[in-house]
Amino acid sequence: MSNGAGNDRLIIEGIGEDNKKFRPSNWVERISSMLASFGPDHRLRYSEFVHPCIINGDKCLIVNRGLSETQPEVFKFILHFAHQNKLRIQEDRRVAQREVQVERRAEQQDIKPVADETRDAQTIPV
């Protein structure tokens, strides 16, 4: 993900060569979760090498070519899956990488500092 052109990423589209949507519809999530892990907040965190994306309304899988060096068997599996199911594969030519927006619950809620005898102050949602 180092360059702006995205040449180090592949896009596997959820559309087959016959222009039909691939089924099952959750195939992107299934493959993405193979390398995902749970963060300290108990939420699923996708790998920097494989993650889901929606492009023009279609589910796609973004695969970083660096995966071929770190986990070559997983990289081969993903490409084999795409070829076997005749899914479209292309280089990621998007100009700018859109970062996944982090949910900011505290910014969406009014938070007031509340004095507490055991602590100096704490924040609680109102």
N, C-alpha and C. Protein backbone atom coordinates (compact mmCIF):
# COMPACT_ATOMS: atom_id res chain seq x y z
N MET A 1 0.80 -1.19 0.00
CA MET A 1 0.00 0.00 0.00
C MET A 1 0.84 1.25 0.00
N SER A 2 2.03 1.09 -0.43
CA SER A 2 2.96 2.19 -0.34
C SER A 2 2.75 3.25 -1.40
N ASN A 3 2.40 2.87 -2.62
CA ASN A 3 2.26 3.89 -3.63
C ASN A 3 0.81 4.26 -3.84
N GLY A 4 0.58 5.44 -4.38
CA GLY A 4 -0.76 5.94 -4.55
C GLY A 4 -1.55 5.22 -5.62
N ALA A 5 -0.88 4.61 -6.59
CA ALA A 5 -1.58 3.96 -7.68
C ALA A 5 -2.18 2.64 -7.26
N GLY A 6 -1.70 2.06 -6.18
CA GLY A 6 -2.28 0.82 -5.69
C GLY A 6 -1.82 -0.39 -6.46
N ASN A 7 -0.68 -0.31 -7.17
CA ASN A 7 -0.22 -1.43 -7.97
C ASN A 7 0.16 -2.65 -7.16
N ASP A 8 0.24 -2.51 -5.87
CA ASP A 8 0.59 -3.65 -5.03
C ASP A 8 -0.65 -4.37 -4.52
N ARG A 9 -1.84 -4.02 -5.05
CA ARG A 9 -3.08 -4.65 -4.61
C ARG A 9 -3.85 -5.20 -5.82
N LEU A 10 -4.54 -6.30 -5.58
CA LEU A 10 -5.44 -6.87 -6.57
C LEU A 10 -6.86 -6.70 -6.08
N ILE A 11 -7.78 -6.55 -7.01
CA ILE A 11 -9.20 -6.52 -6.68
C ILE A 11 -9.82 -7.76 -7.29
N ILE A 12 -10.46 -8.55 -6.45
CA ILE A 12 -11.22 -9.70 -6.93
C ILE A 12 -12.68 -9.31 -6.78
N GLU A 13 -13.34 -9.18 -7.89
CA GLU A 13 -14.73 -8.73 -7.90
C GLU A 13 -15.68 -9.88 -7.64
N GLY A 14 -16.81 -9.56 -7.05
CA GLY A 14 -17.86 -10.54 -6.79
C GLY A 14 -18.74 -10.78 -7.99
N ILE A 15 -18.20 -10.48 -9.17
CA ILE A 15 -18.90 -10.68 -10.43
C ILE A 15 -18.07 -11.67 -11.26
N GLY A 16 -18.75 -12.65 -11.79
CA GLY A 16 -18.06 -13.63 -12.61
C GLY A 16 -17.84 -13.13 -14.02
N GLU A 17 -17.09 -13.91 -14.80
CA GLU A 17 -16.84 -13.55 -16.18
C GLU A 17 -18.13 -13.51 -17.00
N ASP A 18 -19.18 -14.18 -16.50
CA ASP A 18 -20.48 -14.20 -17.18
C ASP A 18 -21.36 -13.02 -16.74
N ASN A 19 -20.79 -12.07 -15.99
CA ASN A 19 -21.47 -10.87 -15.48
C ASN A 19 -22.56 -11.16 -14.46
N LYS A 20 -22.54 -12.33 -13.84
CA LYS A 20 -23.50 -12.66 -12.78
C LYS A 20 -22.82 -12.53 -11.44
N LYS A 21 -23.60 -12.12 -10.42
CA LYS A 21 -23.05 -12.02 -9.06
C LYS A 21 -22.72 -13.42 -8.56
N PHE A 22 -21.57 -13.51 -7.90
CA PHE A 22 -21.13 -14.80 -7.37
C PHE A 22 -21.91 -15.11 -6.09
N ARG A 23 -22.27 -16.36 -5.94
CA ARG A 23 -22.94 -16.85 -4.75
C ARG A 23 -22.09 -17.91 -4.10
N PRO A 24 -21.99 -18.02 -2.80
CA PRO A 24 -22.79 -17.32 -1.80
C PRO A 24 -22.35 -15.86 -1.69
N SER A 25 -23.29 -15.02 -1.30
CA SER A 25 -23.04 -13.59 -1.28
C SER A 25 -22.05 -13.17 -0.19
N ASN A 26 -21.79 -14.03 0.79
CA ASN A 26 -20.86 -13.66 1.86
C ASN A 26 -19.45 -14.21 1.63
N TRP A 27 -19.10 -14.56 0.41
CA TRP A 27 -17.79 -15.13 0.14
C TRP A 27 -16.66 -14.18 0.52
N VAL A 28 -16.86 -12.87 0.32
CA VAL A 28 -15.82 -11.89 0.65
C VAL A 28 -15.54 -11.90 2.15
N GLU A 29 -16.59 -11.90 2.95
CA GLU A 29 -16.42 -11.91 4.41
C GLU A 29 -15.77 -13.20 4.87
N ARG A 30 -16.13 -14.31 4.26
CA ARG A 30 -15.54 -15.59 4.65
C ARG A 30 -14.04 -15.62 4.41
N ILE A 31 -13.63 -15.17 3.24
CA ILE A 31 -12.19 -15.17 2.94
C ILE A 31 -11.46 -14.13 3.77
N SER A 32 -12.04 -12.94 3.90
CA SER A 32 -11.39 -11.87 4.69
C SER A 32 -11.19 -12.28 6.14
N SER A 33 -12.14 -13.02 6.68
CA SER A 33 -12.04 -13.40 8.09
C SER A 33 -10.97 -14.47 8.35
N MET A 34 -10.47 -15.10 7.30
CA MET A 34 -9.41 -16.10 7.48
C MET A 34 -8.17 -15.48 8.14
N LEU A 35 -7.87 -14.24 7.78
CA LEU A 35 -6.68 -13.57 8.32
C LEU A 35 -7.02 -12.48 9.32
N ALA A 36 -8.28 -12.33 9.63
CA ALA A 36 -8.70 -11.29 10.57
C ALA A 36 -8.46 -11.75 12.00
N SER A 37 -8.44 -10.80 12.90
CA SER A 37 -8.29 -11.11 14.33
C SER A 37 -9.16 -10.13 15.11
N PHE A 38 -9.37 -10.46 16.37
CA PHE A 38 -10.16 -9.58 17.21
C PHE A 38 -9.25 -8.63 17.97
N GLY A 39 -9.63 -7.36 17.97
CA GLY A 39 -8.86 -6.34 18.66
C GLY A 39 -9.20 -6.32 20.14
N PRO A 40 -8.54 -5.44 20.89
CA PRO A 40 -8.79 -5.33 22.33
C PRO A 40 -10.23 -4.93 22.65
N ASP A 41 -10.91 -4.33 21.67
CA ASP A 41 -12.30 -3.94 21.87
C ASP A 41 -13.27 -5.05 21.46
N HIS A 42 -12.71 -6.24 21.17
CA HIS A 42 -13.50 -7.42 20.79
C HIS A 42 -14.21 -7.25 19.45
N ARG A 43 -13.68 -6.39 18.60
CA ARG A 43 -14.23 -6.20 17.27
C ARG A 43 -13.27 -6.80 16.25
N LEU A 44 -13.82 -7.29 15.17
CA LEU A 44 -13.03 -7.93 14.13
C LEU A 44 -12.18 -6.90 13.39
N ARG A 45 -10.90 -7.18 13.25
CA ARG A 45 -9.96 -6.32 12.54
C ARG A 45 -9.42 -7.10 11.35
N TYR A 46 -9.65 -6.57 10.15
CA TYR A 46 -9.17 -7.24 8.95
C TYR A 46 -7.68 -7.02 8.78
N SER A 47 -7.06 -7.98 8.15
CA SER A 47 -5.63 -7.92 7.86
C SER A 47 -5.35 -6.81 6.84
N GLU A 48 -4.14 -6.28 6.88
CA GLU A 48 -3.75 -5.30 5.88
C GLU A 48 -3.57 -5.97 4.52
N PHE A 49 -3.47 -7.29 4.50
CA PHE A 49 -3.25 -8.02 3.25
C PHE A 49 -4.53 -8.45 2.55
N VAL A 50 -5.60 -8.67 3.29
CA VAL A 50 -6.87 -9.13 2.71
C VAL A 50 -8.00 -8.46 3.45
N HIS A 51 -8.83 -7.72 2.72
CA HIS A 51 -9.98 -7.10 3.37
C HIS A 51 -11.11 -6.86 2.36
N PRO A 52 -12.34 -6.81 2.86
CA PRO A 52 -13.47 -6.58 1.97
C PRO A 52 -13.58 -5.12 1.57
N CYS A 53 -14.27 -4.90 0.46
CA CYS A 53 -14.48 -3.54 -0.03
C CYS A 53 -15.69 -3.57 -0.95
N ILE A 54 -16.40 -2.47 -1.02
CA ILE A 54 -17.50 -2.35 -1.96
C ILE A 54 -17.11 -1.31 -3.00
N ILE A 55 -17.10 -1.73 -4.25
CA ILE A 55 -16.74 -0.84 -5.35
C ILE A 55 -17.89 -0.84 -6.33
N ASN A 56 -18.42 0.33 -6.60
CA ASN A 56 -19.56 0.48 -7.50
C ASN A 56 -20.72 -0.43 -7.10
N GLY A 57 -20.93 -0.59 -5.81
CA GLY A 57 -22.05 -1.37 -5.31
C GLY A 57 -21.82 -2.87 -5.29
N ASP A 58 -20.66 -3.34 -5.72
CA ASP A 58 -20.37 -4.77 -5.75
C ASP A 58 -19.35 -5.13 -4.68
N LYS A 59 -19.57 -6.27 -4.03
CA LYS A 59 -18.62 -6.75 -3.04
C LYS A 59 -17.34 -7.21 -3.74
N CYS A 60 -16.22 -6.76 -3.19
CA CYS A 60 -14.92 -7.11 -3.75
C CYS A 60 -13.98 -7.50 -2.62
N LEU A 61 -12.93 -8.20 -2.99
CA LEU A 61 -11.89 -8.58 -2.05
C LEU A 61 -10.61 -7.88 -2.49
N ILE A 62 -10.00 -7.14 -1.59
CA ILE A 62 -8.73 -6.48 -1.87
C ILE A 62 -7.63 -7.36 -1.31
N VAL A 63 -6.68 -7.73 -2.17
CA VAL A 63 -5.59 -8.61 -1.78
C VAL A 63 -4.27 -7.89 -2.05
N ASN A 64 -3.50 -7.67 -1.01
CA ASN A 64 -2.19 -7.05 -1.15
C ASN A 64 -1.21 -8.11 -1.62
N ARG A 65 -0.44 -7.79 -2.65
CA ARG A 65 0.53 -8.75 -3.21
C ARG A 65 1.58 -9.18 -2.18
N GLY A 66 1.78 -8.38 -1.16
CA GLY A 66 2.73 -8.74 -0.10
C GLY A 66 2.35 -10.04 0.60
N LEU A 67 1.09 -10.43 0.50
CA LEU A 67 0.64 -11.69 1.08
C LEU A 67 1.38 -12.87 0.47
N SER A 68 1.79 -12.75 -0.78
CA SER A 68 2.52 -13.83 -1.45
C SER A 68 3.87 -14.10 -0.79
N GLU A 69 4.39 -13.09 -0.09
CA GLU A 69 5.66 -13.26 0.61
C GLU A 69 5.47 -13.70 2.06
N THR A 70 4.45 -13.15 2.71
CA THR A 70 4.25 -13.47 4.12
C THR A 70 3.51 -14.78 4.33
N GLN A 71 2.51 -15.05 3.48
CA GLN A 71 1.74 -16.29 3.58
C GLN A 71 1.41 -16.79 2.18
N PRO A 72 2.40 -17.38 1.51
CA PRO A 72 2.21 -17.78 0.11
C PRO A 72 1.09 -18.78 -0.11
N GLU A 73 0.85 -19.67 0.83
CA GLU A 73 -0.22 -20.66 0.65
C GLU A 73 -1.60 -20.00 0.66
N VAL A 74 -1.79 -19.00 1.51
CA VAL A 74 -3.06 -18.29 1.56
C VAL A 74 -3.25 -17.50 0.26
N PHE A 75 -2.18 -16.85 -0.21
CA PHE A 75 -2.23 -16.10 -1.46
C PHE A 75 -2.62 -17.03 -2.61
N LYS A 76 -2.00 -18.20 -2.69
CA LYS A 76 -2.33 -19.17 -3.74
C LYS A 76 -3.77 -19.64 -3.62
N PHE A 77 -4.22 -19.88 -2.40
CA PHE A 77 -5.59 -20.33 -2.18
C PHE A 77 -6.59 -19.30 -2.71
N ILE A 78 -6.37 -18.03 -2.37
CA ILE A 78 -7.29 -16.98 -2.79
C ILE A 78 -7.33 -16.85 -4.31
N LEU A 79 -6.15 -16.86 -4.95
CA LEU A 79 -6.13 -16.76 -6.41
C LEU A 79 -6.74 -17.99 -7.07
N HIS A 80 -6.48 -19.16 -6.52
CA HIS A 80 -7.07 -20.39 -7.05
C HIS A 80 -8.59 -20.33 -6.93
N PHE A 81 -9.09 -19.87 -5.79
CA PHE A 81 -10.52 -19.72 -5.58
C PHE A 81 -11.13 -18.80 -6.64
N ALA A 82 -10.47 -17.67 -6.88
CA ALA A 82 -10.97 -16.70 -7.86
C ALA A 82 -10.97 -17.29 -9.27
N HIS A 83 -9.89 -17.96 -9.64
CA HIS A 83 -9.81 -18.55 -10.98
C HIS A 83 -10.82 -19.69 -11.14
N GLN A 84 -10.91 -20.53 -10.13
CA GLN A 84 -11.82 -21.67 -10.17
C GLN A 84 -13.28 -21.21 -10.34
N ASN A 85 -13.63 -20.10 -9.70
CA ASN A 85 -15.00 -19.59 -9.76
C ASN A 85 -15.17 -18.51 -10.84
N LYS A 86 -14.14 -18.34 -11.66
CA LYS A 86 -14.17 -17.40 -12.80
C LYS A 86 -14.55 -15.99 -12.38
N LEU A 87 -13.96 -15.53 -11.27
CA LEU A 87 -14.19 -14.17 -10.79
C LEU A 87 -13.23 -13.23 -11.49
N ARG A 88 -13.66 -12.01 -11.67
CA ARG A 88 -12.81 -11.00 -12.31
C ARG A 88 -11.69 -10.60 -11.35
N ILE A 89 -10.48 -10.55 -11.86
CA ILE A 89 -9.32 -10.11 -11.09
C ILE A 89 -8.65 -8.97 -11.87
N GLN A 90 -8.38 -7.88 -11.17
CA GLN A 90 -7.69 -6.77 -11.81
C GLN A 90 -6.80 -6.07 -10.80
N GLU A 91 -5.87 -5.29 -11.32
CA GLU A 91 -5.04 -4.48 -10.43
C GLU A 91 -5.87 -3.35 -9.87
N ASP A 92 -5.56 -2.97 -8.66
CA ASP A 92 -6.24 -1.85 -8.01
C ASP A 92 -5.68 -0.56 -8.61
N ARG A 93 -6.48 0.11 -9.41
CA ARG A 93 -6.05 1.34 -10.06
C ARG A 93 -6.67 2.58 -9.45
N ARG A 94 -7.29 2.41 -8.29
CA ARG A 94 -7.88 3.58 -7.64
C ARG A 94 -6.78 4.56 -7.27
N VAL A 95 -7.04 5.82 -7.41
CA VAL A 95 -6.03 6.85 -7.19
C VAL A 95 -5.68 6.99 -5.72
N ALA A 96 -6.68 7.11 -4.88
CA ALA A 96 -6.43 7.33 -3.46
C ALA A 96 -6.98 6.17 -2.66
N GLN A 97 -6.22 5.74 -1.69
CA GLN A 97 -6.67 4.69 -0.77
C GLN A 97 -7.58 5.34 0.26
N ARG A 98 -8.80 4.85 0.35
CA ARG A 98 -9.71 5.36 1.36
C ARG A 98 -9.54 4.54 2.62
N GLU A 99 -9.17 5.20 3.66
CA GLU A 99 -8.99 4.53 4.94
C GLU A 99 -10.35 4.21 5.54
N VAL A 100 -10.44 3.08 6.19
CA VAL A 100 -11.67 2.71 6.87
C VAL A 100 -11.86 3.68 8.02
N GLN A 101 -13.05 4.25 8.10
CA GLN A 101 -13.32 5.20 9.16
C GLN A 101 -13.54 4.47 10.46
N VAL A 102 -12.86 4.93 11.48
CA VAL A 102 -13.00 4.35 12.80
C VAL A 102 -14.24 4.93 13.46
N GLU A 103 -15.02 4.06 14.04
CA GLU A 103 -16.23 4.52 14.72
C GLU A 103 -15.81 5.31 15.94
N ARG A 104 -16.38 6.44 16.09
CA ARG A 104 -16.02 7.31 17.21
C ARG A 104 -17.26 7.58 18.05
N ARG A 105 -17.56 6.65 18.90
CA ARG A 105 -18.76 6.77 19.72
C ARG A 105 -18.72 8.00 20.61
N ALA A 106 -17.57 8.30 21.14
CA ALA A 106 -17.46 9.43 22.06
C ALA A 106 -17.78 10.74 21.36
N GLU A 107 -17.43 10.86 20.08
CA GLU A 107 -17.71 12.08 19.34
C GLU A 107 -19.17 12.18 18.96
N GLN A 108 -19.84 11.05 18.87
CA GLN A 108 -21.24 11.05 18.48
C GLN A 108 -22.17 11.29 19.66
N GLN A 109 -21.65 11.15 20.86
CA GLN A 109 -22.46 11.33 22.06
C GLN A 109 -21.95 12.52 22.85
N ASP A 110 -22.83 13.09 23.65
CA ASP A 110 -22.38 14.14 24.57
C ASP A 110 -21.72 13.46 25.75
N ILE A 111 -20.49 13.85 26.05
CA ILE A 111 -19.77 13.26 27.18
C ILE A 111 -19.42 14.37 28.15
N LYS A 112 -19.75 14.13 29.41
CA LYS A 112 -19.46 15.11 30.45
C LYS A 112 -18.49 14.51 31.45
N PRO A 113 -17.50 15.27 31.89
CA PRO A 113 -16.65 14.78 32.97
C PRO A 113 -17.44 14.80 34.28
N VAL A 114 -17.30 13.74 35.05
CA VAL A 114 -18.02 13.62 36.31
C VAL A 114 -17.00 13.38 37.41
N ALA A 115 -17.10 14.16 38.47
CA ALA A 115 -16.18 13.98 39.60
C ALA A 115 -16.50 12.68 40.31
N ASP A 116 -15.47 12.01 40.76
CA ASP A 116 -15.63 10.74 41.46
C ASP A 116 -14.68 10.77 42.65
N GLU A 117 -15.13 10.27 43.77
CA GLU A 117 -14.30 10.30 44.98
C GLU A 117 -13.07 9.41 44.83
N THR A 118 -13.16 8.33 44.06
CA THR A 118 -12.03 7.42 43.93
C THR A 118 -11.07 7.84 42.83
N ARG A 119 -11.54 8.65 41.90
CA ARG A 119 -10.70 9.10 40.80
C ARG A 119 -10.83 10.60 40.68
N ASP A 120 -9.90 11.21 39.97
CA ASP A 120 -9.98 12.66 39.76
C ASP A 120 -11.21 13.00 38.93
N ALA A 121 -11.35 12.35 37.80
CA ALA A 121 -12.52 12.58 36.93
C ALA A 121 -12.66 11.41 35.99
N GLN A 122 -13.85 11.18 35.54
CA GLN A 122 -14.07 10.15 34.54
C GLN A 122 -15.09 10.67 33.54
N THR A 123 -15.14 10.09 32.39
CA THR A 123 -16.12 10.50 31.40
C THR A 123 -17.15 9.41 31.26
N ILE A 124 -18.39 9.83 31.21
CA ILE A 124 -19.47 8.88 31.01
C ILE A 124 -20.42 9.43 29.97
N PRO A 125 -21.01 8.56 29.16
CA PRO A 125 -21.97 9.04 28.18
C PRO A 125 -23.23 9.52 28.88
N VAL A 126 -23.84 10.55 28.33
CA VAL A 126 -25.07 11.10 28.92
C VAL A 126 -26.26 10.43 28.31
